[in-house]
Amino acid sequence: VLGLCAQVQDATGGAFTAIRHGRLDPTGLVKGWAIERASRILHEHGARNHAVNGGGDMQLRGEAAPGTPWAVGIVDPHDRKQVLTVVRGRDLAVATSGSAERGAHIVDPFTALPATNVASATVLGPSLTLADAYATAAVVLDQGALAWIESLPGYEALLVTADGHRRASTGWHHHVDPDNTR
């Protein structure tokens, strides 16, 4: 896990780090890693179609039902009773970081202050280990997050700013259910 944290710190230009307030804290990566690992174990034991959910971050394998992709609702960070959109896919990881659940807990490692300009960042991709860490980094990267995500093959992102604006990476729309978007 610590080796992966170092790799992600390098890949994010330091926006993701396993050091928080001068102490080792790999929690920004380890939850996604554990969920992805559980999914891998299920898959290796024959469960070709399953979803493993850990605190809203999900590793999805196969299909929800024959011929039906998984559907995951993305919650509005400004009104947690509302779903902003629904994403669909097969063999997909979905991770969201931000302030909706735990307040401004993501610290910008460059300023040592809470990152508050992005209320939520949802990242889709093949690996929940990376999607979870990348979502945390996207909250820190703020304006530069989408350009950075665009450079990562297989990953897409939706950002909701503190003032409620939504911005998405170029390929995000390929995963969105057009019938379930507010």
N, C-alpha and C. Protein backbone atom coordinates (compact mmCIF):
# COMPACT_ATOMS: atom_id res chain seq x y z
N VAL A 1 0.83 -1.19 0.00
CA VAL A 1 0.00 0.00 0.00
C VAL A 1 0.87 1.26 0.00
N LEU A 2 1.93 1.25 0.79
CA LEU A 2 2.80 2.43 0.84
C LEU A 2 3.50 2.67 -0.49
N GLY A 3 3.87 1.59 -1.16
CA GLY A 3 4.47 1.72 -2.49
C GLY A 3 3.49 2.32 -3.49
N LEU A 4 2.23 1.87 -3.42
CA LEU A 4 1.19 2.44 -4.29
C LEU A 4 0.97 3.91 -3.97
N CYS A 5 0.96 4.26 -2.69
CA CYS A 5 0.80 5.67 -2.30
C CYS A 5 1.91 6.53 -2.92
N ALA A 6 3.14 6.03 -2.89
CA ALA A 6 4.26 6.77 -3.47
C ALA A 6 4.08 6.93 -4.98
N GLN A 7 3.61 5.86 -5.65
CA GLN A 7 3.37 5.93 -7.09
C GLN A 7 2.29 6.95 -7.43
N VAL A 8 1.20 6.95 -6.65
CA VAL A 8 0.10 7.89 -6.91
C VAL A 8 0.53 9.32 -6.58
N GLN A 9 1.32 9.49 -5.54
CA GLN A 9 1.83 10.83 -5.23
C GLN A 9 2.63 11.37 -6.41
N ASP A 10 3.46 10.51 -6.99
CA ASP A 10 4.25 10.91 -8.16
C ASP A 10 3.33 11.21 -9.35
N ALA A 11 2.34 10.34 -9.60
CA ALA A 11 1.44 10.52 -10.74
C ALA A 11 0.58 11.77 -10.62
N THR A 12 0.32 12.21 -9.39
CA THR A 12 -0.53 13.39 -9.16
C THR A 12 0.28 14.66 -8.94
N GLY A 13 1.59 14.56 -9.10
CA GLY A 13 2.43 15.74 -8.87
C GLY A 13 2.39 16.20 -7.41
N GLY A 14 2.08 15.28 -6.50
CA GLY A 14 2.03 15.60 -5.08
C GLY A 14 0.67 16.00 -4.56
N ALA A 15 -0.35 16.08 -5.43
CA ALA A 15 -1.69 16.45 -4.97
C ALA A 15 -2.28 15.37 -4.07
N PHE A 16 -1.88 14.13 -4.29
CA PHE A 16 -2.23 13.05 -3.37
C PHE A 16 -0.99 12.71 -2.57
N THR A 17 -1.15 12.56 -1.27
CA THR A 17 -0.04 12.14 -0.42
C THR A 17 -0.57 11.30 0.72
N ALA A 18 0.28 10.39 1.20
CA ALA A 18 -0.07 9.56 2.35
C ALA A 18 0.44 10.19 3.65
N ILE A 19 0.85 11.43 3.59
CA ILE A 19 1.29 12.16 4.78
C ILE A 19 0.25 13.24 5.07
N ARG A 20 -0.26 13.23 6.28
CA ARG A 20 -1.27 14.22 6.68
C ARG A 20 -0.86 14.79 8.04
N HIS A 21 -0.71 16.08 8.08
CA HIS A 21 -0.28 16.75 9.32
C HIS A 21 1.00 16.13 9.86
N GLY A 22 1.92 15.79 8.94
CA GLY A 22 3.20 15.25 9.34
C GLY A 22 3.20 13.79 9.75
N ARG A 23 2.07 13.12 9.59
CA ARG A 23 1.96 11.71 9.98
C ARG A 23 1.53 10.86 8.80
N LEU A 24 1.93 9.60 8.84
CA LEU A 24 1.55 8.65 7.81
C LEU A 24 0.04 8.40 7.89
N ASP A 25 -0.65 8.57 6.75
CA ASP A 25 -2.10 8.35 6.68
C ASP A 25 -2.46 7.91 5.26
N PRO A 26 -2.40 6.60 4.99
CA PRO A 26 -2.68 6.11 3.64
C PRO A 26 -4.17 5.90 3.36
N THR A 27 -5.06 6.42 4.20
CA THR A 27 -6.49 6.14 4.05
C THR A 27 -7.07 6.64 2.73
N GLY A 28 -6.47 7.63 2.09
CA GLY A 28 -6.97 8.11 0.81
C GLY A 28 -6.81 7.09 -0.31
N LEU A 29 -6.04 6.04 -0.06
CA LEU A 29 -5.83 5.00 -1.07
C LEU A 29 -6.29 3.63 -0.56
N VAL A 30 -6.12 3.36 0.72
CA VAL A 30 -6.29 2.00 1.22
C VAL A 30 -7.73 1.50 1.13
N LYS A 31 -8.72 2.38 1.26
CA LYS A 31 -10.10 1.92 1.16
C LYS A 31 -10.37 1.38 -0.25
N GLY A 32 -9.99 2.12 -1.26
CA GLY A 32 -10.18 1.66 -2.64
C GLY A 32 -9.40 0.38 -2.92
N TRP A 33 -8.19 0.31 -2.38
CA TRP A 33 -7.36 -0.88 -2.55
C TRP A 33 -8.03 -2.10 -1.93
N ALA A 34 -8.59 -1.97 -0.73
CA ALA A 34 -9.23 -3.09 -0.05
C ALA A 34 -10.48 -3.55 -0.79
N ILE A 35 -11.27 -2.61 -1.27
CA ILE A 35 -12.48 -2.96 -2.01
C ILE A 35 -12.12 -3.65 -3.32
N GLU A 36 -11.14 -3.11 -4.02
CA GLU A 36 -10.71 -3.72 -5.28
C GLU A 36 -10.16 -5.13 -5.04
N ARG A 37 -9.41 -5.29 -3.96
CA ARG A 37 -8.87 -6.61 -3.64
C ARG A 37 -9.98 -7.60 -3.32
N ALA A 38 -10.99 -7.17 -2.57
CA ALA A 38 -12.13 -8.05 -2.28
C ALA A 38 -12.82 -8.47 -3.58
N SER A 39 -12.98 -7.54 -4.50
CA SER A 39 -13.59 -7.84 -5.80
C SER A 39 -12.75 -8.85 -6.57
N ARG A 40 -11.44 -8.66 -6.53
CA ARG A 40 -10.54 -9.59 -7.24
C ARG A 40 -10.68 -11.01 -6.66
N ILE A 41 -10.76 -11.14 -5.34
CA ILE A 41 -10.92 -12.45 -4.71
C ILE A 41 -12.24 -13.09 -5.14
N LEU A 42 -13.31 -12.32 -5.14
CA LEU A 42 -14.61 -12.84 -5.59
C LEU A 42 -14.51 -13.33 -7.04
N HIS A 43 -13.89 -12.52 -7.89
CA HIS A 43 -13.75 -12.86 -9.30
C HIS A 43 -12.94 -14.15 -9.47
N GLU A 44 -11.84 -14.27 -8.72
CA GLU A 44 -10.99 -15.46 -8.80
C GLU A 44 -11.72 -16.71 -8.34
N HIS A 45 -12.75 -16.54 -7.53
CA HIS A 45 -13.52 -17.69 -7.05
C HIS A 45 -14.84 -17.88 -7.82
N GLY A 46 -14.91 -17.27 -9.00
CA GLY A 46 -16.02 -17.54 -9.90
C GLY A 46 -17.16 -16.55 -9.92
N ALA A 47 -17.13 -15.53 -9.08
CA ALA A 47 -18.20 -14.52 -9.08
C ALA A 47 -17.90 -13.50 -10.18
N ARG A 48 -18.40 -13.76 -11.36
CA ARG A 48 -18.09 -12.90 -12.52
C ARG A 48 -18.90 -11.62 -12.54
N ASN A 49 -20.04 -11.60 -11.87
CA ASN A 49 -20.91 -10.43 -11.83
C ASN A 49 -21.15 -10.06 -10.36
N HIS A 50 -20.56 -8.97 -9.93
CA HIS A 50 -20.73 -8.54 -8.55
C HIS A 50 -20.36 -7.07 -8.40
N ALA A 51 -20.84 -6.50 -7.30
CA ALA A 51 -20.49 -5.13 -6.92
C ALA A 51 -20.01 -5.16 -5.48
N VAL A 52 -18.88 -4.55 -5.22
CA VAL A 52 -18.37 -4.41 -3.86
C VAL A 52 -18.39 -2.92 -3.54
N ASN A 53 -19.15 -2.57 -2.49
CA ASN A 53 -19.36 -1.18 -2.11
C ASN A 53 -18.71 -0.94 -0.75
N GLY A 54 -17.89 0.07 -0.68
CA GLY A 54 -17.30 0.47 0.59
C GLY A 54 -17.48 1.96 0.78
N GLY A 55 -18.46 2.34 1.57
CA GLY A 55 -18.69 3.75 1.82
C GLY A 55 -19.05 4.54 0.58
N GLY A 56 -19.71 3.89 -0.38
CA GLY A 56 -20.13 4.57 -1.60
C GLY A 56 -19.15 4.45 -2.75
N ASP A 57 -17.92 4.03 -2.48
CA ASP A 57 -16.96 3.76 -3.56
C ASP A 57 -17.17 2.32 -3.99
N MET A 58 -17.23 2.09 -5.31
CA MET A 58 -17.65 0.78 -5.79
C MET A 58 -16.71 0.22 -6.85
N GLN A 59 -16.45 -1.08 -6.73
CA GLN A 59 -15.78 -1.83 -7.78
C GLN A 59 -16.83 -2.76 -8.37
N LEU A 60 -17.12 -2.60 -9.64
CA LEU A 60 -18.18 -3.35 -10.32
C LEU A 60 -17.55 -4.32 -11.31
N ARG A 61 -18.03 -5.55 -11.29
CA ARG A 61 -17.56 -6.57 -12.24
C ARG A 61 -18.75 -7.10 -13.02
N GLY A 62 -18.52 -7.33 -14.29
CA GLY A 62 -19.56 -7.93 -15.13
C GLY A 62 -20.77 -7.02 -15.23
N GLU A 63 -21.94 -7.63 -15.05
CA GLU A 63 -23.20 -6.91 -15.24
C GLU A 63 -24.11 -7.06 -14.03
N ALA A 64 -25.04 -6.13 -13.90
CA ALA A 64 -26.03 -6.19 -12.82
C ALA A 64 -27.00 -7.35 -13.04
N ALA A 65 -27.32 -7.60 -14.29
CA ALA A 65 -28.16 -8.71 -14.73
C ALA A 65 -27.76 -8.99 -16.18
N PRO A 66 -28.07 -10.16 -16.71
CA PRO A 66 -27.67 -10.44 -18.08
C PRO A 66 -28.11 -9.33 -19.05
N GLY A 67 -27.14 -8.75 -19.73
CA GLY A 67 -27.40 -7.69 -20.70
C GLY A 67 -27.63 -6.32 -20.10
N THR A 68 -27.51 -6.19 -18.77
CA THR A 68 -27.78 -4.92 -18.10
C THR A 68 -26.53 -4.43 -17.37
N PRO A 69 -26.00 -3.27 -17.77
CA PRO A 69 -24.84 -2.74 -17.05
C PRO A 69 -25.22 -2.28 -15.65
N TRP A 70 -24.23 -2.14 -14.80
CA TRP A 70 -24.45 -1.59 -13.46
C TRP A 70 -24.85 -0.13 -13.59
N ALA A 71 -25.66 0.35 -12.66
CA ALA A 71 -26.07 1.76 -12.60
C ALA A 71 -25.74 2.28 -11.20
N VAL A 72 -25.03 3.41 -11.15
CA VAL A 72 -24.61 4.00 -9.88
C VAL A 72 -25.03 5.46 -9.85
N GLY A 73 -25.77 5.83 -8.83
CA GLY A 73 -26.17 7.22 -8.67
C GLY A 73 -25.07 8.04 -8.05
N ILE A 74 -24.88 9.24 -8.58
CA ILE A 74 -23.90 10.19 -8.04
C ILE A 74 -24.69 11.26 -7.28
N VAL A 75 -24.43 11.36 -6.00
CA VAL A 75 -25.19 12.25 -5.12
C VAL A 75 -24.72 13.70 -5.28
N ASP A 76 -25.69 14.61 -5.19
CA ASP A 76 -25.41 16.04 -5.22
C ASP A 76 -24.77 16.42 -3.88
N PRO A 77 -23.53 16.93 -3.86
CA PRO A 77 -22.89 17.25 -2.59
C PRO A 77 -23.56 18.41 -1.85
N HIS A 78 -24.39 19.17 -2.55
CA HIS A 78 -25.07 20.30 -1.93
C HIS A 78 -26.47 19.93 -1.42
N ASP A 79 -26.96 18.77 -1.84
CA ASP A 79 -28.25 18.26 -1.37
C ASP A 79 -28.19 16.74 -1.45
N ARG A 80 -27.74 16.11 -0.40
CA ARG A 80 -27.47 14.68 -0.41
C ARG A 80 -28.72 13.83 -0.61
N LYS A 81 -29.89 14.45 -0.64
CA LYS A 81 -31.12 13.70 -0.93
C LYS A 81 -31.38 13.62 -2.43
N GLN A 82 -30.57 14.33 -3.22
CA GLN A 82 -30.75 14.38 -4.67
C GLN A 82 -29.61 13.63 -5.38
N VAL A 83 -29.97 12.98 -6.48
CA VAL A 83 -28.99 12.34 -7.34
C VAL A 83 -28.73 13.27 -8.52
N LEU A 84 -27.45 13.62 -8.73
CA LEU A 84 -27.09 14.50 -9.85
C LEU A 84 -27.24 13.78 -11.19
N THR A 85 -26.74 12.56 -11.20
CA THR A 85 -26.71 11.79 -12.43
C THR A 85 -26.52 10.33 -12.08
N VAL A 86 -26.72 9.47 -13.06
CA VAL A 86 -26.49 8.04 -12.91
C VAL A 86 -25.50 7.63 -13.98
N VAL A 87 -24.46 6.92 -13.57
CA VAL A 87 -23.49 6.40 -14.52
C VAL A 87 -23.72 4.91 -14.69
N ARG A 88 -23.44 4.42 -15.87
CA ARG A 88 -23.65 3.00 -16.18
C ARG A 88 -22.36 2.41 -16.74
N GLY A 89 -22.14 1.15 -16.44
CA GLY A 89 -20.97 0.50 -17.01
C GLY A 89 -20.79 -0.92 -16.53
N ARG A 90 -19.87 -1.59 -17.17
CA ARG A 90 -19.45 -2.94 -16.83
C ARG A 90 -17.97 -2.88 -16.48
N ASP A 91 -17.55 -3.70 -15.52
CA ASP A 91 -16.14 -3.73 -15.13
C ASP A 91 -15.62 -2.31 -14.91
N LEU A 92 -16.19 -1.65 -13.93
CA LEU A 92 -15.96 -0.23 -13.71
C LEU A 92 -15.80 0.06 -12.22
N ALA A 93 -14.94 1.01 -11.92
CA ALA A 93 -14.80 1.50 -10.55
C ALA A 93 -15.35 2.92 -10.49
N VAL A 94 -16.02 3.25 -9.38
CA VAL A 94 -16.60 4.58 -9.17
C VAL A 94 -16.22 5.05 -7.78
N ALA A 95 -15.55 6.20 -7.70
CA ALA A 95 -15.13 6.74 -6.40
C ALA A 95 -15.43 8.23 -6.35
N THR A 96 -15.92 8.68 -5.20
CA THR A 96 -16.20 10.10 -4.99
C THR A 96 -15.49 10.57 -3.73
N SER A 97 -14.83 11.70 -3.85
CA SER A 97 -14.21 12.37 -2.70
C SER A 97 -14.75 13.77 -2.62
N GLY A 98 -14.76 14.32 -1.43
CA GLY A 98 -15.21 15.70 -1.26
C GLY A 98 -15.68 15.94 0.16
N SER A 99 -16.45 16.99 0.31
CA SER A 99 -16.84 17.44 1.65
C SER A 99 -18.27 17.07 2.06
N ALA A 100 -19.04 16.42 1.19
CA ALA A 100 -20.45 16.16 1.48
C ALA A 100 -20.65 15.27 2.71
N GLU A 101 -19.85 14.26 2.88
CA GLU A 101 -20.03 13.31 3.98
C GLU A 101 -19.29 13.72 5.25
N ARG A 102 -18.03 14.17 5.10
CA ARG A 102 -17.18 14.39 6.26
C ARG A 102 -16.69 15.82 6.42
N GLY A 103 -17.30 16.74 5.69
CA GLY A 103 -16.84 18.13 5.78
C GLY A 103 -15.52 18.31 5.04
N ALA A 104 -14.88 19.42 5.26
CA ALA A 104 -13.63 19.77 4.55
C ALA A 104 -12.45 19.03 5.18
N HIS A 105 -12.36 17.73 4.91
CA HIS A 105 -11.33 16.88 5.51
C HIS A 105 -10.13 16.63 4.61
N ILE A 106 -10.23 17.01 3.33
CA ILE A 106 -9.11 16.81 2.40
C ILE A 106 -8.19 18.01 2.49
N VAL A 107 -6.95 17.74 2.87
CA VAL A 107 -5.98 18.81 3.06
C VAL A 107 -5.13 18.95 1.80
N ASP A 108 -5.00 20.17 1.33
CA ASP A 108 -4.13 20.46 0.20
C ASP A 108 -2.68 20.37 0.70
N PRO A 109 -1.90 19.40 0.21
CA PRO A 109 -0.55 19.24 0.72
C PRO A 109 0.38 20.41 0.38
N PHE A 110 -0.01 21.24 -0.57
CA PHE A 110 0.83 22.38 -0.95
C PHE A 110 0.62 23.58 -0.04
N THR A 111 -0.58 23.70 0.54
CA THR A 111 -0.88 24.84 1.40
C THR A 111 -1.10 24.44 2.86
N ALA A 112 -1.30 23.15 3.11
CA ALA A 112 -1.64 22.61 4.44
C ALA A 112 -2.99 23.10 4.93
N LEU A 113 -3.83 23.60 4.02
CA LEU A 113 -5.18 24.06 4.35
C LEU A 113 -6.20 23.11 3.73
N PRO A 114 -7.42 23.08 4.26
CA PRO A 114 -8.45 22.25 3.63
C PRO A 114 -8.72 22.69 2.19
N ALA A 115 -8.88 21.72 1.30
CA ALA A 115 -9.23 21.99 -0.09
C ALA A 115 -10.75 22.16 -0.14
N THR A 116 -11.21 23.36 -0.46
CA THR A 116 -12.65 23.64 -0.35
C THR A 116 -13.30 24.14 -1.65
N ASN A 117 -12.55 24.32 -2.72
CA ASN A 117 -13.15 24.83 -3.95
C ASN A 117 -13.96 23.79 -4.71
N VAL A 118 -13.64 22.51 -4.51
CA VAL A 118 -14.37 21.42 -5.15
C VAL A 118 -15.16 20.70 -4.07
N ALA A 119 -16.49 20.71 -4.19
CA ALA A 119 -17.35 20.04 -3.20
C ALA A 119 -17.30 18.53 -3.37
N SER A 120 -17.20 18.06 -4.63
CA SER A 120 -17.04 16.62 -4.86
C SER A 120 -16.37 16.37 -6.19
N ALA A 121 -15.61 15.29 -6.21
CA ALA A 121 -14.97 14.81 -7.43
C ALA A 121 -15.27 13.33 -7.53
N THR A 122 -15.90 12.93 -8.62
CA THR A 122 -16.19 11.52 -8.87
C THR A 122 -15.31 11.08 -10.02
N VAL A 123 -14.61 9.98 -9.83
CA VAL A 123 -13.71 9.45 -10.85
C VAL A 123 -14.15 8.03 -11.20
N LEU A 124 -14.22 7.76 -12.49
CA LEU A 124 -14.55 6.44 -13.03
C LEU A 124 -13.31 5.87 -13.70
N GLY A 125 -13.15 4.57 -13.62
CA GLY A 125 -12.03 3.93 -14.31
C GLY A 125 -12.01 2.45 -13.99
N PRO A 126 -11.00 1.75 -14.44
CA PRO A 126 -10.95 0.31 -14.22
C PRO A 126 -10.54 -0.09 -12.80
N SER A 127 -9.77 0.74 -12.11
CA SER A 127 -9.22 0.38 -10.80
C SER A 127 -9.76 1.29 -9.71
N LEU A 128 -10.39 0.70 -8.69
CA LEU A 128 -10.87 1.53 -7.58
C LEU A 128 -9.72 2.05 -6.73
N THR A 129 -8.64 1.32 -6.64
CA THR A 129 -7.47 1.82 -5.92
C THR A 129 -7.08 3.18 -6.46
N LEU A 130 -6.96 3.26 -7.77
CA LEU A 130 -6.55 4.53 -8.40
C LEU A 130 -7.68 5.53 -8.45
N ALA A 131 -8.89 5.10 -8.79
CA ALA A 131 -10.02 6.03 -8.88
C ALA A 131 -10.23 6.76 -7.55
N ASP A 132 -10.12 6.04 -6.44
CA ASP A 132 -10.30 6.65 -5.12
C ASP A 132 -9.21 7.68 -4.84
N ALA A 133 -7.97 7.32 -5.07
CA ALA A 133 -6.87 8.26 -4.85
C ALA A 133 -6.94 9.43 -5.83
N TYR A 134 -7.30 9.15 -7.07
CA TYR A 134 -7.41 10.22 -8.07
C TYR A 134 -8.54 11.19 -7.71
N ALA A 135 -9.63 10.69 -7.14
CA ALA A 135 -10.73 11.58 -6.74
C ALA A 135 -10.25 12.53 -5.64
N THR A 136 -9.48 12.01 -4.69
CA THR A 136 -8.91 12.86 -3.65
C THR A 136 -7.99 13.91 -4.25
N ALA A 137 -7.13 13.49 -5.17
CA ALA A 137 -6.22 14.43 -5.83
C ALA A 137 -6.99 15.48 -6.62
N ALA A 138 -8.09 15.08 -7.26
CA ALA A 138 -8.88 16.02 -8.06
C ALA A 138 -9.46 17.13 -7.20
N VAL A 139 -9.85 16.81 -5.97
CA VAL A 139 -10.35 17.85 -5.06
C VAL A 139 -9.26 18.87 -4.81
N VAL A 140 -8.04 18.42 -4.62
CA VAL A 140 -6.91 19.32 -4.37
C VAL A 140 -6.54 20.09 -5.64
N LEU A 141 -6.54 19.42 -6.78
CA LEU A 141 -6.10 20.06 -8.03
C LEU A 141 -7.07 21.12 -8.54
N ASP A 142 -8.32 21.07 -8.13
CA ASP A 142 -9.30 22.10 -8.45
C ASP A 142 -9.34 22.38 -9.95
N GLN A 143 -8.98 23.56 -10.38
CA GLN A 143 -9.06 23.97 -11.80
C GLN A 143 -8.24 23.07 -12.73
N GLY A 144 -7.15 22.52 -12.24
CA GLY A 144 -6.30 21.67 -13.08
C GLY A 144 -6.71 20.21 -13.11
N ALA A 145 -7.73 19.84 -12.36
CA ALA A 145 -8.10 18.44 -12.22
C ALA A 145 -8.53 17.79 -13.53
N LEU A 146 -9.37 18.45 -14.28
CA LEU A 146 -9.90 17.81 -15.49
C LEU A 146 -8.82 17.62 -16.55
N ALA A 147 -7.96 18.61 -16.73
CA ALA A 147 -6.86 18.45 -17.69
C ALA A 147 -5.97 17.29 -17.28
N TRP A 148 -5.74 17.15 -15.98
CA TRP A 148 -4.91 16.05 -15.49
C TRP A 148 -5.61 14.71 -15.72
N ILE A 149 -6.90 14.61 -15.39
CA ILE A 149 -7.66 13.37 -15.62
C ILE A 149 -7.66 13.00 -17.10
N GLU A 150 -7.77 14.01 -17.96
CA GLU A 150 -7.76 13.75 -19.41
C GLU A 150 -6.47 13.05 -19.84
N SER A 151 -5.40 13.22 -19.09
CA SER A 151 -4.11 12.60 -19.44
C SER A 151 -4.01 11.15 -18.99
N LEU A 152 -5.00 10.66 -18.25
CA LEU A 152 -4.97 9.30 -17.71
C LEU A 152 -5.87 8.38 -18.53
N PRO A 153 -5.30 7.49 -19.32
CA PRO A 153 -6.14 6.61 -20.15
C PRO A 153 -7.10 5.77 -19.29
N GLY A 154 -8.37 5.78 -19.70
CA GLY A 154 -9.37 4.96 -19.05
C GLY A 154 -10.06 5.59 -17.86
N TYR A 155 -9.72 6.82 -17.51
CA TYR A 155 -10.33 7.50 -16.36
C TYR A 155 -11.09 8.74 -16.81
N GLU A 156 -12.23 8.97 -16.15
CA GLU A 156 -13.07 10.13 -16.41
C GLU A 156 -13.48 10.73 -15.07
N ALA A 157 -13.89 11.99 -15.09
CA ALA A 157 -14.25 12.65 -13.83
C ALA A 157 -15.38 13.65 -14.00
N LEU A 158 -16.12 13.81 -12.90
CA LEU A 158 -17.14 14.85 -12.76
C LEU A 158 -16.79 15.63 -11.50
N LEU A 159 -16.65 16.95 -11.64
CA LEU A 159 -16.39 17.81 -10.50
C LEU A 159 -17.61 18.68 -10.25
N VAL A 160 -17.93 18.85 -8.97
CA VAL A 160 -18.96 19.79 -8.56
C VAL A 160 -18.26 20.80 -7.67
N THR A 161 -18.29 22.07 -8.08
CA THR A 161 -17.59 23.09 -7.33
C THR A 161 -18.37 23.50 -6.09
N ALA A 162 -17.71 24.23 -5.23
CA ALA A 162 -18.33 24.69 -3.99
C ALA A 162 -19.55 25.56 -4.27
N ASP A 163 -19.53 26.26 -5.41
CA ASP A 163 -20.67 27.11 -5.76
C ASP A 163 -21.70 26.39 -6.64
N GLY A 164 -21.55 25.07 -6.81
CA GLY A 164 -22.57 24.27 -7.49
C GLY A 164 -22.37 24.03 -8.97
N HIS A 165 -21.34 24.58 -9.57
CA HIS A 165 -21.11 24.33 -11.00
C HIS A 165 -20.57 22.92 -11.22
N ARG A 166 -20.93 22.35 -12.35
CA ARG A 166 -20.46 21.01 -12.71
C ARG A 166 -19.55 21.10 -13.92
N ARG A 167 -18.46 20.34 -13.84
CA ARG A 167 -17.54 20.23 -14.98
C ARG A 167 -17.16 18.77 -15.11
N ALA A 168 -17.07 18.30 -16.34
CA ALA A 168 -16.76 16.89 -16.57
C ALA A 168 -15.67 16.74 -17.62
N SER A 169 -14.95 15.64 -17.52
CA SER A 169 -13.94 15.32 -18.52
C SER A 169 -14.65 14.95 -19.83
N THR A 170 -13.89 14.96 -20.89
CA THR A 170 -14.44 14.77 -22.23
C THR A 170 -15.25 13.48 -22.40
N GLY A 171 -14.77 12.38 -21.84
CA GLY A 171 -15.44 11.09 -22.03
C GLY A 171 -16.47 10.74 -20.97
N TRP A 172 -16.69 11.64 -20.01
CA TRP A 172 -17.66 11.35 -18.95
C TRP A 172 -19.03 10.99 -19.52
N HIS A 173 -19.46 11.72 -20.54
CA HIS A 173 -20.81 11.53 -21.09
C HIS A 173 -21.03 10.11 -21.63
N HIS A 174 -19.97 9.38 -21.93
CA HIS A 174 -20.12 8.01 -22.41
C HIS A 174 -20.66 7.08 -21.33
N HIS A 175 -20.53 7.48 -20.07
CA HIS A 175 -20.97 6.66 -18.95
C HIS A 175 -22.28 7.12 -18.34
N VAL A 176 -22.77 8.26 -18.76
CA VAL A 176 -23.96 8.86 -18.14
C VAL A 176 -25.23 8.31 -18.75
N ASP A 177 -26.18 7.99 -17.87
CA ASP A 177 -27.52 7.57 -18.31
C ASP A 177 -28.29 8.86 -18.59
N PRO A 178 -28.59 9.16 -19.87
CA PRO A 178 -29.25 10.44 -20.20
C PRO A 178 -30.63 10.59 -19.60
N ASP A 179 -31.26 9.48 -19.21
CA ASP A 179 -32.59 9.55 -18.61
C ASP A 179 -32.56 9.88 -17.12
N ASN A 180 -31.38 9.86 -16.52
CA ASN A 180 -31.26 10.07 -15.09
C ASN A 180 -30.26 11.16 -14.74
N THR A 181 -30.37 12.29 -15.37
CA THR A 181 -29.50 13.42 -15.09
C THR A 181 -30.34 14.62 -14.77
N ARG A 182 -29.98 15.31 -13.69
CA ARG A 182 -30.66 16.54 -13.31
C ARG A 182 -29.92 17.71 -13.91
